Amino acid sequence: MNVYEDLEASNPGNGSAKEYEFIGELIKQYSPGNILVFSVGKDSSLWYSLNEGGNTLFLEDVRRWIRFSKKMSPEINVLKVGYQTRRKNWKKLLGQEDRLQMKLPDYVKNTVWDVIFVDGPRGYNDKVPGRMQSIFSASQLKTRHILVHDCDREVEKTYFEQYIGQPNNVIDKLFHREMNLRQTGFKNKQF
């Protein structure tokens, strides 16, 4: 087994080896680069190690997952974030950009990210935050690539298409779009 197959076996029901490999190869292409991941989990140490010497930042809303991830990989950089939406309101929130924008530090907003991977928040039922804010906020950042996981679910698929566009690649439940930096929320700025 390779590292991606091992991760799939140790993390059943989450990503597939093909999805993990696509993400991993993209990160390696830019390593050492700027990688932003919405969520932490059993895959966090892999993304960190593939971007050795780069800037890998994880955004997480659940303290238990932050503690778990820091215990597994003390070196990772995790920023606690909050989501003000619930999945059950996803249809009402479409087009309400002022309610979808996350409060992120300036250094997150001002960094040109090579890869942004949206794999959180949870979004699996109506009682938890959906990925509306994370997908919208990712679309507003300066980035070369955006990946969103769980696009087999209606919310993720709809918000990806609404705010990011049509995917360039679909790997199982993973949508990927290569971004022209001028397509993002910073299209009027010069780079």
Protein backbone atom coordinates (compact mmCIF):
# COMPACT_ATOMS: atom_id res chain seq x y z
CA MET A 1 0.00 0.00 0.00
CA ASN A 2 1.09 3.56 -0.62
CA VAL A 3 0.54 6.52 1.73
CA TYR A 4 -2.78 7.43 0.07
CA GLU A 5 -4.17 3.91 0.31
CA ASP A 6 -3.03 3.74 3.95
CA LEU A 7 -4.87 6.98 4.68
CA GLU A 8 -8.05 5.72 3.03
CA ALA A 9 -7.84 2.47 5.05
CA SER A 10 -7.28 4.34 8.34
CA ASN A 11 -10.01 6.90 7.64
CA PRO A 12 -12.98 4.86 6.33
CA GLY A 13 -15.89 6.78 4.85
CA ASN A 14 -13.85 9.93 4.28
CA GLY A 15 -11.59 10.44 1.28
CA SER A 16 -10.64 7.88 -1.33
CA ALA A 17 -7.04 7.04 -2.22
CA LYS A 18 -7.62 8.70 -5.64
CA GLU A 19 -8.83 11.93 -3.95
CA TYR A 20 -5.95 11.95 -1.47
CA GLU A 21 -3.44 11.34 -4.25
CA PHE A 22 -4.83 14.19 -6.38
CA ILE A 23 -4.60 16.60 -3.42
CA GLY A 24 -1.15 15.33 -2.43
CA GLU A 25 0.30 15.64 -5.94
CA LEU A 26 -1.06 19.19 -6.24
CA ILE A 27 0.50 20.17 -2.89
CA LYS A 28 3.83 18.60 -3.90
CA GLN A 29 3.76 20.58 -7.16
CA TYR A 30 3.96 23.83 -5.15
CA SER A 31 6.02 22.63 -2.18
CA PRO A 32 7.29 24.59 -0.38
CA GLY A 33 4.25 26.76 -0.90
CA ASN A 34 1.21 28.27 0.76
CA ILE A 35 -1.47 25.69 1.56
CA LEU A 36 -4.75 26.54 3.34
CA VAL A 37 -7.01 23.76 4.62
CA PHE A 38 -10.48 24.32 6.04
CA SER A 39 -10.62 21.50 8.65
CA VAL A 40 -8.20 19.23 10.47
CA GLY A 41 -8.29 15.47 10.70
CA LYS A 42 -6.33 12.29 10.15
CA ASP A 43 -5.00 13.67 6.85
CA SER A 44 -3.55 16.90 8.33
CA SER A 45 -0.06 15.55 9.04
CA LEU A 46 0.18 14.32 5.43
CA TRP A 47 -0.64 17.73 3.95
CA TYR A 48 1.83 19.34 6.34
CA SER A 49 4.63 16.88 5.48
CA LEU A 50 4.07 17.16 1.70
CA ASN A 51 4.54 20.92 2.00
CA GLU A 52 7.70 20.67 4.08
CA GLY A 53 9.29 24.06 4.58
CA GLY A 54 6.18 25.82 3.31
CA ASN A 55 3.28 27.60 5.00
CA THR A 56 0.47 25.14 5.77
CA LEU A 57 -2.42 26.58 7.76
CA PHE A 58 -5.48 24.70 8.99
CA LEU A 59 -8.74 26.44 9.94
CA GLU A 60 -10.91 24.47 12.40
CA ASP A 61 -14.03 25.24 14.43
CA VAL A 62 -14.11 22.18 16.74
CA ARG A 63 -11.72 22.38 19.72
CA ARG A 64 -11.71 18.58 20.14
CA TRP A 65 -10.36 18.17 16.58
CA ILE A 66 -7.75 20.87 17.17
CA ARG A 67 -6.52 19.01 20.28
CA PHE A 68 -6.55 15.67 18.43
CA SER A 69 -4.58 17.07 15.49
CA LYS A 70 -2.04 18.88 17.67
CA LYS A 71 -1.52 15.67 19.66
CA MET A 72 -0.87 13.68 16.45
CA SER A 73 1.22 16.45 14.84
CA PRO A 74 2.35 19.12 17.33
CA GLU A 75 4.09 21.06 14.57
CA ILE A 76 0.95 21.88 12.57
CA ASN A 77 -0.45 25.40 12.58
CA VAL A 78 -4.18 25.45 13.40
CA LEU A 79 -6.29 28.59 13.67
CA LYS A 80 -9.59 28.34 15.57
CA VAL A 81 -12.41 29.81 13.48
CA GLY A 82 -16.16 30.16 13.91
CA TYR A 83 -19.07 29.65 11.54
CA GLN A 84 -22.26 31.67 11.95
CA THR A 85 -24.45 29.54 9.68
CA ARG A 86 -26.25 26.21 9.82
CA ARG A 87 -26.61 23.86 6.89
CA LYS A 88 -30.41 23.99 7.09
CA ASN A 89 -30.28 27.64 5.90
CA TRP A 90 -28.12 27.03 2.83
CA LYS A 91 -30.77 27.97 0.25
CA LYS A 92 -31.62 31.25 2.03
CA LEU A 93 -27.95 32.19 2.21
CA LEU A 94 -27.25 31.90 -1.52
CA GLY A 95 -26.43 35.39 -2.77
CA GLN A 96 -26.06 36.85 0.75
CA GLU A 97 -22.33 37.44 0.57
CA ASP A 98 -22.30 39.70 3.64
CA ARG A 99 -23.54 36.77 5.77
CA LEU A 100 -21.22 34.27 4.11
CA GLN A 101 -17.91 36.10 4.60
CA MET A 102 -15.86 34.63 7.45
CA LYS A 103 -13.87 36.78 9.82
CA LEU A 104 -10.31 35.86 8.89
CA PRO A 105 -7.03 37.51 9.94
CA ASP A 106 -5.41 39.87 7.46
CA TYR A 107 -2.49 37.49 6.90
CA VAL A 108 -4.95 34.86 5.63
CA LYS A 109 -6.68 37.37 3.37
CA ASN A 110 -3.41 38.83 2.06
CA THR A 111 -1.55 35.60 1.29
CA VAL A 112 -1.52 34.19 -2.23
CA TRP A 113 -2.46 30.55 -1.59
CA ASP A 114 -1.17 27.91 -3.96
CA VAL A 115 -3.81 25.41 -2.86
CA ILE A 116 -6.97 25.86 -0.79
CA PHE A 117 -8.68 22.66 0.31
CA VAL A 118 -12.19 22.99 1.79
CA ASP A 119 -12.99 19.89 3.84
CA GLY A 120 -14.89 21.57 6.65
CA PRO A 121 -16.82 22.39 8.61
CA ARG A 122 -18.72 19.13 9.03
CA GLY A 123 -21.84 19.86 6.96
CA TYR A 124 -23.34 16.37 7.28
CA ASN A 125 -26.69 17.38 8.81
CA ASP A 126 -28.91 20.42 9.42
CA LYS A 127 -27.75 20.94 13.02
CA VAL A 128 -24.11 21.66 12.18
CA PRO A 129 -22.47 24.42 10.15
CA GLY A 130 -22.55 23.74 6.44
CA ARG A 131 -19.69 24.60 4.12
CA MET A 132 -21.39 27.69 2.75
CA GLN A 133 -19.09 30.14 4.56
CA SER A 134 -15.90 28.19 3.95
CA ILE A 135 -16.60 27.75 0.21
CA PHE A 136 -17.59 31.40 -0.23
CA SER A 137 -14.62 32.67 1.80
CA ALA A 138 -12.22 30.42 -0.14
CA SER A 139 -13.58 31.89 -3.38
CA GLN A 140 -12.68 35.39 -2.14
CA LEU A 141 -9.05 34.59 -1.36
CA LYS A 142 -6.12 34.89 -3.75
CA THR A 143 -5.42 31.34 -4.87
CA ARG A 144 -4.20 29.18 -7.72
CA HIS A 145 -6.30 26.08 -6.92
CA ILE A 146 -9.47 25.43 -4.91
CA LEU A 147 -10.52 21.93 -3.92
CA VAL A 148 -13.82 21.15 -2.18
CA HIS A 149 -14.57 17.73 -0.74
CA ASP A 150 -17.98 16.04 -0.44
CA CYS A 151 -19.38 17.60 -3.62
CA ASP A 152 -21.68 14.60 -3.90
CA ARG A 153 -23.76 16.58 -1.38
CA GLU A 154 -26.13 19.25 -2.72
CA VAL A 155 -24.82 22.13 -0.58
CA GLU A 156 -21.16 21.66 -1.51
CA LYS A 157 -21.92 21.15 -5.21
CA THR A 158 -24.28 24.16 -5.39
CA TYR A 159 -21.94 26.54 -3.55
CA PHE A 160 -18.92 25.37 -5.56
CA GLU A 161 -20.70 26.06 -8.83
CA GLN A 162 -22.21 29.36 -7.59
CA TYR A 163 -19.04 30.91 -6.15
CA ILE A 164 -16.11 29.05 -7.73
CA GLY A 165 -17.50 27.89 -11.08
CA GLN A 166 -17.47 24.60 -12.93
CA PRO A 167 -14.79 22.18 -11.75
CA ASN A 168 -11.81 21.46 -13.99
CA ASN A 169 -11.51 18.04 -12.38
CA VAL A 170 -13.92 15.76 -10.52
CA ILE A 171 -12.30 12.92 -8.59
CA ASP A 172 -14.95 10.86 -6.80
CA LYS A 173 -16.48 13.42 -4.34
CA LEU A 174 -13.71 16.02 -4.84
CA PHE A 175 -14.20 19.09 -7.07
CA HIS A 176 -11.12 21.01 -8.23
CA ARG A 177 -10.83 24.28 -10.08
CA GLU A 178 -7.66 25.96 -11.25
CA MET A 179 -8.13 29.66 -10.68
CA ASN A 180 -6.87 32.60 -12.62
CA LEU A 181 -5.93 34.93 -9.75
CA ARG A 182 -8.00 37.60 -11.45
CA GLN A 183 -11.12 35.39 -11.10
CA THR A 184 -11.05 35.54 -7.33
CA GLY A 185 -12.49 38.19 -5.04
CA PHE A 186 -9.32 40.24 -5.61
CA LYS A 187 -9.75 40.63 -9.38
CA ASN A 188 -9.23 44.38 -9.25
CA LYS A 189 -5.86 44.20 -7.51
CA GLN A 190 -2.53 43.88 -9.26
CA PHE A 191 -0.24 40.97 -8.39
